N, C-alpha and C. Protein backbone atom coordinates (compact mmCIF):
# COMPACT_ATOMS: atom_id res chain seq x y z
N MET A 1 8.28 11.03 14.03
CA MET A 1 7.53 9.88 14.00
C MET A 1 6.05 10.32 13.65
N ALA A 2 5.43 9.53 12.88
CA ALA A 2 4.01 9.92 12.62
C ALA A 2 3.19 8.84 12.79
N LYS A 3 1.97 9.07 13.20
CA LYS A 3 0.85 8.03 13.35
C LYS A 3 0.24 7.84 12.11
N GLU A 4 0.03 6.61 11.50
CA GLU A 4 -0.56 6.25 10.30
C GLU A 4 -1.87 5.64 10.65
N ILE A 5 -3.00 6.27 10.40
CA ILE A 5 -4.34 5.80 10.56
C ILE A 5 -5.11 5.72 9.24
N GLU A 6 -5.21 4.47 8.80
CA GLU A 6 -5.67 4.27 7.40
C GLU A 6 -6.73 3.09 7.38
N ARG A 7 -7.66 3.31 6.46
CA ARG A 7 -8.57 2.11 6.30
C ARG A 7 -8.41 1.76 4.83
N LYS A 8 -8.60 0.43 4.57
CA LYS A 8 -8.24 -0.17 3.17
C LYS A 8 -9.57 -0.98 2.72
N PHE A 9 -9.75 -0.81 1.36
CA PHE A 9 -10.93 -1.41 0.85
C PHE A 9 -10.57 -2.15 -0.57
N LEU A 10 -11.36 -3.13 -0.84
CA LEU A 10 -11.21 -3.57 -2.29
C LEU A 10 -11.96 -2.67 -3.21
N VAL A 11 -11.63 -2.67 -4.36
CA VAL A 11 -11.99 -1.78 -5.50
C VAL A 11 -12.65 -2.56 -6.64
N ASN A 12 -13.77 -2.03 -7.14
CA ASN A 12 -14.30 -2.53 -8.42
C ASN A 12 -13.79 -1.52 -9.45
N PRO A 13 -12.80 -2.05 -10.18
CA PRO A 13 -12.13 -1.20 -11.14
C PRO A 13 -13.08 -0.61 -12.34
N ALA A 14 -14.15 -1.44 -12.60
CA ALA A 14 -14.99 -1.13 -13.70
C ALA A 14 -15.80 0.24 -13.24
N LYS A 15 -15.81 0.67 -12.05
CA LYS A 15 -16.60 1.90 -11.54
C LYS A 15 -15.67 2.97 -11.38
N LEU A 16 -14.27 2.70 -11.58
CA LEU A 16 -13.45 3.95 -11.39
C LEU A 16 -13.58 4.91 -12.42
N PRO A 17 -13.30 6.26 -12.06
CA PRO A 17 -13.40 7.24 -13.21
C PRO A 17 -12.73 6.91 -14.47
N ASP A 18 -13.06 7.50 -15.72
CA ASP A 18 -12.12 7.24 -16.86
C ASP A 18 -10.89 7.97 -16.76
N LYS A 19 -9.99 7.42 -17.54
CA LYS A 19 -8.78 8.14 -17.79
C LYS A 19 -7.97 8.59 -16.61
N ILE A 20 -7.87 7.56 -15.61
CA ILE A 20 -6.98 7.83 -14.46
C ILE A 20 -5.67 7.44 -14.90
N THR A 21 -4.75 7.97 -14.38
CA THR A 21 -3.23 7.66 -14.53
C THR A 21 -2.51 7.65 -13.22
N GLY A 22 -1.48 6.84 -13.00
CA GLY A 22 -0.91 6.77 -11.75
C GLY A 22 0.76 6.78 -11.89
N GLU A 23 1.36 6.47 -10.73
CA GLU A 23 2.79 6.40 -10.72
C GLU A 23 3.11 4.88 -10.65
N ASP A 24 4.29 4.53 -11.10
CA ASP A 24 4.81 3.17 -10.94
C ASP A 24 5.46 3.09 -9.58
N TYR A 25 5.12 2.01 -8.82
CA TYR A 25 5.66 1.78 -7.54
C TYR A 25 6.34 0.38 -7.58
N ARG A 26 7.46 0.21 -7.01
CA ARG A 26 8.20 -1.16 -6.66
C ARG A 26 8.59 -0.98 -5.36
N GLN A 27 8.30 -1.98 -4.56
CA GLN A 27 8.65 -2.04 -3.13
C GLN A 27 8.99 -3.48 -2.69
N GLY A 28 9.98 -3.50 -1.80
CA GLY A 28 10.44 -4.86 -1.23
C GLY A 28 10.50 -4.71 0.34
N TYR A 29 10.45 -5.79 0.87
CA TYR A 29 10.36 -5.81 2.30
C TYR A 29 11.68 -6.45 2.90
N LEU A 30 12.48 -5.61 3.63
CA LEU A 30 13.80 -6.26 4.17
C LEU A 30 13.50 -6.93 5.51
N SER A 31 12.40 -6.57 6.24
CA SER A 31 12.14 -7.25 7.52
C SER A 31 10.61 -7.25 7.58
N ILE A 32 10.06 -8.45 7.90
CA ILE A 32 8.59 -8.59 8.32
C ILE A 32 8.59 -9.53 9.49
N ASN A 33 8.20 -8.97 10.54
CA ASN A 33 7.95 -9.64 11.83
C ASN A 33 6.80 -9.12 12.65
N ASP A 34 6.58 -9.80 13.80
CA ASP A 34 5.40 -9.39 14.62
C ASP A 34 5.35 -7.95 15.07
N SER A 35 6.60 -7.35 15.16
CA SER A 35 6.62 -5.94 15.65
C SER A 35 6.57 -4.92 14.58
N GLY A 36 6.60 -5.31 13.33
CA GLY A 36 6.52 -4.43 12.24
C GLY A 36 7.29 -4.77 10.95
N ILE A 37 7.42 -3.86 10.06
CA ILE A 37 8.09 -4.11 8.88
C ILE A 37 9.11 -3.03 8.52
N THR A 38 10.03 -3.33 7.66
CA THR A 38 11.03 -2.43 7.02
C THR A 38 10.74 -2.62 5.55
N ARG A 39 10.63 -1.39 4.84
CA ARG A 39 10.32 -1.47 3.48
C ARG A 39 11.31 -0.51 2.66
N ILE A 40 11.61 -0.89 1.48
CA ILE A 40 12.07 -0.10 0.57
C ILE A 40 11.22 0.27 -0.62
N ARG A 41 10.94 1.41 -1.06
CA ARG A 41 9.91 1.76 -1.96
C ARG A 41 10.61 2.69 -3.10
N ILE A 42 10.42 2.39 -4.35
CA ILE A 42 11.01 3.21 -5.40
C ILE A 42 9.65 3.74 -6.22
N ILE A 43 9.65 4.90 -6.37
CA ILE A 43 8.57 5.63 -7.19
C ILE A 43 9.43 6.41 -8.17
N ASP A 44 9.27 5.85 -9.46
CA ASP A 44 10.04 6.54 -10.55
C ASP A 44 11.59 6.58 -10.10
N ASN A 45 11.98 7.85 -9.87
CA ASN A 45 13.49 8.00 -9.63
C ASN A 45 13.59 8.40 -8.18
N LYS A 46 12.56 8.24 -7.26
CA LYS A 46 12.76 8.52 -5.80
C LYS A 46 12.73 7.24 -4.92
N ALA A 47 13.34 7.31 -3.85
CA ALA A 47 13.52 6.13 -2.99
C ALA A 47 13.22 6.45 -1.53
N ILE A 48 12.38 5.63 -0.95
CA ILE A 48 12.13 5.86 0.48
C ILE A 48 12.29 4.64 1.28
N LEU A 49 12.88 4.72 2.48
CA LEU A 49 12.96 3.76 3.40
C LEU A 49 11.90 3.90 4.47
N THR A 50 11.15 2.99 4.68
CA THR A 50 9.93 3.10 5.69
C THR A 50 10.02 2.09 6.78
N ILE A 51 9.78 2.34 7.98
CA ILE A 51 9.69 1.47 9.02
C ILE A 51 8.34 1.67 9.80
N LYS A 52 7.48 0.64 9.80
CA LYS A 52 6.25 0.66 10.37
C LYS A 52 6.02 -0.35 11.56
N SER A 53 5.57 0.16 12.60
CA SER A 53 5.15 -0.78 13.76
C SER A 53 4.02 -1.68 13.39
N LYS A 54 3.89 -2.51 14.31
CA LYS A 54 2.76 -3.47 14.31
C LYS A 54 1.46 -2.55 14.21
N THR A 55 0.45 -3.01 13.40
CA THR A 55 -0.79 -2.46 13.45
C THR A 55 -1.69 -2.83 14.55
N ILE A 56 -2.35 -1.91 15.22
CA ILE A 56 -3.33 -2.11 16.29
C ILE A 56 -4.57 -1.51 15.61
N GLU A 57 -5.65 -2.32 15.31
CA GLU A 57 -6.82 -1.97 14.65
C GLU A 57 -6.43 -1.46 13.44
N ILE A 58 -6.48 -0.02 13.22
CA ILE A 58 -6.15 0.55 11.96
C ILE A 58 -4.99 1.62 12.11
N THR A 59 -4.29 1.59 13.16
CA THR A 59 -3.27 2.54 13.58
C THR A 59 -1.92 1.95 13.79
N ARG A 60 -0.83 2.62 13.28
CA ARG A 60 0.59 2.25 13.51
C ARG A 60 1.46 3.37 13.49
N ASP A 61 2.55 3.31 14.11
CA ASP A 61 3.74 4.25 13.89
C ASP A 61 4.31 4.01 12.50
N GLU A 62 4.72 5.21 11.93
CA GLU A 62 5.41 5.09 10.60
C GLU A 62 6.55 6.14 10.66
N PHE A 63 7.70 5.64 10.20
CA PHE A 63 8.89 6.46 9.93
C PHE A 63 9.36 6.49 8.46
N GLU A 64 9.55 7.46 7.82
CA GLU A 64 9.82 7.40 6.40
C GLU A 64 11.12 8.37 6.20
N TYR A 65 12.05 7.92 5.43
CA TYR A 65 13.29 8.61 5.10
C TYR A 65 13.54 8.44 3.67
N ASP A 66 13.82 9.59 2.96
CA ASP A 66 14.33 9.51 1.64
C ASP A 66 15.79 8.99 1.64
N ILE A 67 16.09 8.14 0.68
CA ILE A 67 17.35 7.64 0.53
C ILE A 67 17.87 7.63 -0.88
N PRO A 68 19.22 7.59 -1.11
CA PRO A 68 19.56 7.62 -2.63
C PRO A 68 18.99 6.42 -3.44
N LEU A 69 18.69 6.80 -4.65
CA LEU A 69 18.13 5.79 -5.50
C LEU A 69 19.04 4.57 -5.59
N GLU A 70 20.31 4.81 -5.78
CA GLU A 70 21.38 3.85 -5.97
C GLU A 70 21.35 2.89 -4.69
N ASP A 71 21.28 3.38 -3.56
CA ASP A 71 21.08 2.53 -2.28
C ASP A 71 19.89 1.67 -2.35
N ALA A 72 18.76 2.25 -2.83
CA ALA A 72 17.43 1.65 -2.73
C ALA A 72 17.51 0.37 -3.79
N LEU A 73 18.18 0.62 -4.96
CA LEU A 73 18.27 -0.41 -5.91
C LEU A 73 19.09 -1.49 -5.40
N ARG A 74 20.10 -1.35 -4.61
CA ARG A 74 20.84 -2.46 -4.02
C ARG A 74 20.07 -3.16 -2.91
N LEU A 75 19.44 -2.39 -2.10
CA LEU A 75 18.66 -2.84 -1.06
C LEU A 75 17.35 -3.66 -1.28
N ILE A 76 16.84 -3.36 -2.44
CA ILE A 76 15.46 -4.05 -2.84
C ILE A 76 15.84 -5.48 -3.15
N ASP A 77 17.05 -5.59 -3.72
CA ASP A 77 17.47 -6.87 -4.12
C ASP A 77 17.58 -7.83 -2.87
N LEU A 78 17.63 -7.28 -1.75
CA LEU A 78 17.77 -8.11 -0.43
C LEU A 78 16.44 -8.41 0.12
N SER A 79 15.29 -7.94 -0.48
CA SER A 79 13.91 -8.07 0.01
C SER A 79 13.56 -9.61 0.19
N GLN A 80 12.58 -9.91 1.05
CA GLN A 80 11.90 -11.16 1.27
C GLN A 80 10.82 -11.29 0.25
N GLY A 81 10.76 -12.43 -0.15
CA GLY A 81 9.68 -12.73 -1.19
C GLY A 81 9.79 -11.89 -2.51
N GLU A 82 8.64 -11.64 -3.08
CA GLU A 82 8.61 -10.94 -4.34
C GLU A 82 8.60 -9.49 -4.16
N ILE A 83 9.09 -8.78 -5.05
CA ILE A 83 9.01 -7.39 -5.14
C ILE A 83 7.50 -7.00 -5.61
N ILE A 84 6.85 -6.16 -4.75
CA ILE A 84 5.46 -5.71 -5.10
C ILE A 84 5.66 -4.61 -6.21
N HIS A 85 4.86 -4.85 -7.24
CA HIS A 85 4.80 -3.90 -8.40
C HIS A 85 3.35 -3.42 -8.49
N LYS A 86 3.18 -2.11 -8.43
CA LYS A 86 1.78 -1.67 -8.56
C LYS A 86 1.73 -0.22 -9.21
N THR A 87 0.69 0.20 -9.70
CA THR A 87 0.45 1.49 -10.11
C THR A 87 -0.55 2.18 -9.20
N ARG A 88 -0.04 3.24 -8.58
CA ARG A 88 -0.89 4.13 -7.63
C ARG A 88 -1.46 5.45 -8.25
N THR A 89 -2.63 5.55 -8.03
CA THR A 89 -3.39 6.63 -8.61
C THR A 89 -4.03 7.31 -7.30
N ILE A 90 -3.94 8.63 -7.31
CA ILE A 90 -4.53 9.47 -6.14
C ILE A 90 -5.87 9.93 -6.89
N ILE A 91 -6.93 9.58 -6.17
CA ILE A 91 -8.27 10.33 -6.61
C ILE A 91 -8.90 11.02 -5.35
N GLU A 92 -9.20 12.16 -5.76
CA GLU A 92 -9.94 13.16 -4.71
C GLU A 92 -11.43 12.78 -4.83
N TYR A 93 -11.99 12.55 -3.54
CA TYR A 93 -13.45 12.23 -3.48
C TYR A 93 -13.94 12.89 -2.17
N ASP A 94 -14.90 13.76 -2.29
CA ASP A 94 -15.57 14.41 -1.00
C ASP A 94 -14.42 14.99 -0.23
N ARG A 95 -13.51 15.74 -0.80
CA ARG A 95 -12.44 16.47 -0.07
C ARG A 95 -11.42 15.46 0.63
N LYS A 96 -11.40 14.23 0.29
CA LYS A 96 -10.55 13.27 0.91
C LYS A 96 -9.61 12.71 -0.40
N LYS A 97 -8.43 12.37 -0.07
CA LYS A 97 -7.48 11.82 -1.05
C LYS A 97 -7.57 10.16 -0.79
N TRP A 98 -7.86 9.55 -1.81
CA TRP A 98 -7.89 8.06 -1.90
C TRP A 98 -6.68 7.50 -2.74
N GLU A 99 -5.91 6.73 -2.21
CA GLU A 99 -4.79 6.03 -2.99
C GLU A 99 -5.36 4.69 -3.53
N VAL A 100 -5.42 4.60 -4.85
CA VAL A 100 -5.85 3.34 -5.47
C VAL A 100 -4.72 2.72 -6.14
N ASP A 101 -4.58 1.39 -5.69
CA ASP A 101 -3.41 0.67 -6.23
C ASP A 101 -3.97 -0.51 -7.12
N GLU A 102 -3.39 -0.44 -8.32
CA GLU A 102 -3.59 -1.73 -9.28
C GLU A 102 -2.35 -2.54 -9.14
N PHE A 103 -2.55 -3.77 -8.79
CA PHE A 103 -1.30 -4.54 -8.69
C PHE A 103 -1.01 -5.26 -9.99
N HIS A 104 0.28 -5.60 -10.02
CA HIS A 104 0.82 -6.32 -11.26
C HIS A 104 1.54 -7.67 -10.85
N GLY A 105 2.13 -8.23 -11.93
CA GLY A 105 2.86 -9.45 -11.64
C GLY A 105 1.90 -10.48 -10.95
N ASN A 106 2.38 -11.23 -10.02
CA ASN A 106 1.60 -12.36 -9.39
C ASN A 106 0.58 -11.78 -8.49
N ASN A 107 0.43 -10.51 -8.36
CA ASN A 107 -0.75 -9.92 -7.59
C ASN A 107 -1.89 -9.29 -8.62
N LYS A 108 -1.51 -9.52 -9.93
CA LYS A 108 -2.50 -9.03 -10.98
C LYS A 108 -3.83 -9.27 -10.68
N GLY A 109 -4.76 -8.42 -10.91
CA GLY A 109 -6.21 -8.62 -10.65
C GLY A 109 -6.77 -8.11 -9.34
N LEU A 110 -5.67 -7.66 -8.46
CA LEU A 110 -6.05 -7.23 -7.21
C LEU A 110 -5.91 -5.59 -7.20
N TRP A 111 -7.10 -5.01 -6.79
CA TRP A 111 -7.16 -3.46 -6.68
C TRP A 111 -7.52 -3.18 -5.27
N LEU A 112 -6.81 -2.30 -4.70
CA LEU A 112 -7.05 -1.77 -3.29
C LEU A 112 -7.08 -0.33 -3.20
N ALA A 113 -7.88 0.27 -2.30
CA ALA A 113 -7.81 1.72 -2.15
C ALA A 113 -7.71 1.90 -0.58
N GLU A 114 -6.95 2.95 -0.25
CA GLU A 114 -6.69 3.39 1.06
C GLU A 114 -6.98 4.77 1.36
N ILE A 115 -7.62 5.10 2.48
CA ILE A 115 -7.74 6.37 2.90
C ILE A 115 -7.13 6.68 4.27
N GLU A 116 -6.26 7.85 4.36
CA GLU A 116 -5.71 8.15 5.55
C GLU A 116 -6.62 9.02 6.30
N LEU A 117 -6.75 8.95 7.69
CA LEU A 117 -7.57 9.53 8.53
C LEU A 117 -6.89 10.37 9.66
N ILE A 118 -7.55 11.39 10.04
CA ILE A 118 -7.02 12.12 11.17
C ILE A 118 -7.10 11.44 12.55
N ASP A 119 -8.22 10.66 12.65
CA ASP A 119 -8.36 9.90 13.88
C ASP A 119 -9.26 8.53 13.35
N ALA A 120 -9.16 7.56 14.15
CA ALA A 120 -9.88 6.36 13.79
C ALA A 120 -11.32 6.44 13.76
N ASP A 121 -12.01 7.36 14.32
CA ASP A 121 -13.48 7.62 14.39
C ASP A 121 -13.95 8.54 13.29
N GLU A 122 -12.90 9.10 12.61
CA GLU A 122 -13.30 10.04 11.42
C GLU A 122 -14.29 9.54 10.55
N ASN A 123 -15.42 10.24 10.25
CA ASN A 123 -16.49 9.89 9.26
C ASN A 123 -15.94 10.35 7.81
N PHE A 124 -16.29 9.49 6.82
CA PHE A 124 -15.98 9.82 5.50
C PHE A 124 -16.96 9.20 4.54
N ILE A 125 -17.15 9.77 3.44
CA ILE A 125 -18.07 9.16 2.41
C ILE A 125 -17.33 8.13 1.37
N LYS A 126 -17.74 6.92 1.26
CA LYS A 126 -17.05 6.06 0.47
C LYS A 126 -17.58 6.18 -1.03
N PRO A 127 -16.67 6.26 -2.04
CA PRO A 127 -17.10 6.33 -3.38
C PRO A 127 -17.73 4.92 -3.90
N ASP A 128 -18.44 5.09 -4.91
CA ASP A 128 -19.17 3.78 -5.35
C ASP A 128 -18.28 2.73 -5.87
N TRP A 129 -16.93 3.09 -6.21
CA TRP A 129 -16.02 2.00 -6.68
C TRP A 129 -15.34 1.37 -5.52
N VAL A 130 -15.63 1.75 -4.31
CA VAL A 130 -15.06 1.00 -3.11
C VAL A 130 -16.01 -0.03 -2.77
N THR A 131 -15.53 -1.27 -2.40
CA THR A 131 -16.47 -2.43 -2.03
C THR A 131 -16.20 -2.77 -0.63
N GLU A 132 -15.77 -4.07 -0.36
CA GLU A 132 -15.51 -4.54 0.97
C GLU A 132 -14.37 -3.98 1.73
N GLU A 133 -14.55 -3.50 3.02
CA GLU A 133 -13.42 -3.18 3.81
C GLU A 133 -12.57 -4.34 4.18
N VAL A 134 -11.30 -4.04 4.05
CA VAL A 134 -10.33 -5.17 4.39
C VAL A 134 -9.15 -4.70 5.34
N SER A 135 -9.42 -3.51 6.03
CA SER A 135 -8.45 -2.88 6.86
C SER A 135 -7.72 -3.86 7.81
N GLN A 136 -8.44 -4.79 8.41
CA GLN A 136 -7.89 -5.64 9.54
C GLN A 136 -7.63 -7.00 8.95
N ASP A 137 -7.71 -7.24 7.58
CA ASP A 137 -7.42 -8.54 6.99
C ASP A 137 -6.03 -8.56 6.44
N LYS A 138 -5.08 -9.29 7.21
CA LYS A 138 -3.73 -9.21 6.97
C LYS A 138 -3.32 -9.65 5.67
N ARG A 139 -4.20 -10.45 5.00
CA ARG A 139 -3.78 -10.98 3.57
C ARG A 139 -3.69 -9.71 2.63
N TYR A 140 -4.30 -8.70 2.97
CA TYR A 140 -4.15 -7.47 1.99
C TYR A 140 -3.11 -6.54 2.39
N TYR A 141 -2.33 -6.79 3.31
CA TYR A 141 -1.00 -6.10 3.51
C TYR A 141 -0.08 -6.37 2.37
N ASN A 142 0.62 -5.43 1.98
CA ASN A 142 1.69 -5.62 0.89
C ASN A 142 2.72 -6.63 1.45
N SER A 143 3.06 -6.52 2.76
CA SER A 143 4.07 -7.31 3.30
C SER A 143 3.61 -8.90 3.30
N TYR A 144 2.23 -9.16 3.23
CA TYR A 144 1.80 -10.46 3.14
C TYR A 144 1.82 -10.83 1.64
N LEU A 145 1.34 -9.86 0.73
CA LEU A 145 1.42 -10.01 -0.54
C LEU A 145 2.62 -10.44 -1.24
N CYS A 146 3.74 -10.09 -0.66
CA CYS A 146 5.08 -10.32 -1.15
C CYS A 146 5.48 -11.68 -0.83
N LEU A 147 5.00 -12.28 0.12
CA LEU A 147 5.09 -13.79 0.39
C LEU A 147 4.08 -14.69 -0.06
N HIS A 148 2.94 -14.18 -0.23
CA HIS A 148 1.70 -15.03 -0.52
C HIS A 148 0.99 -14.25 -1.60
N PRO A 149 1.44 -14.27 -2.96
CA PRO A 149 0.94 -13.41 -3.95
C PRO A 149 -0.68 -13.78 -4.13
N TYR A 150 -1.37 -12.88 -4.55
CA TYR A 150 -2.77 -12.92 -4.77
C TYR A 150 -3.03 -14.04 -5.73
N SER A 151 -2.26 -14.30 -6.70
CA SER A 151 -2.61 -15.28 -7.74
C SER A 151 -2.48 -16.80 -7.12
N THR A 152 -1.82 -16.92 -5.92
CA THR A 152 -1.79 -18.19 -5.30
C THR A 152 -2.95 -18.52 -4.27
N TRP A 153 -3.82 -17.47 -4.13
CA TRP A 153 -4.98 -17.74 -3.15
C TRP A 153 -5.94 -18.62 -3.92
N SER A 154 -6.71 -19.47 -3.06
CA SER A 154 -7.53 -20.40 -3.64
C SER A 154 -9.01 -19.89 -3.42
């Protein structure tokens, strides 16, 4: 078991570095409830089953297991809501790794960046392409976006 401590921010894509490339992610949620989520994620030809506990502030328990791609392709069809499709790019900034997601499909237009921290009080420098913090806004959880796509927000 690992503790996941992360902060999430909106991104201004016009300020991102030029020529960034990322990996194609597809993920679906088998279970979404008050105690946590169960997710299937496919990255190219790799598949991961993830179980996350409920988030308390910016911390939660996370369990990840590699699974056969064939199993993931069957399981993702059982997902609740829409499959999340995004391109994830890793950008190093001030010795920290930022995961920048560009969403596609019904979440097109949404860009998010996450930074994982060692502890909740860790200091870090935000890049200029990071805007508003949305770490505790559940609307920006992927598990929310699969049921309430960004394109449907008013």
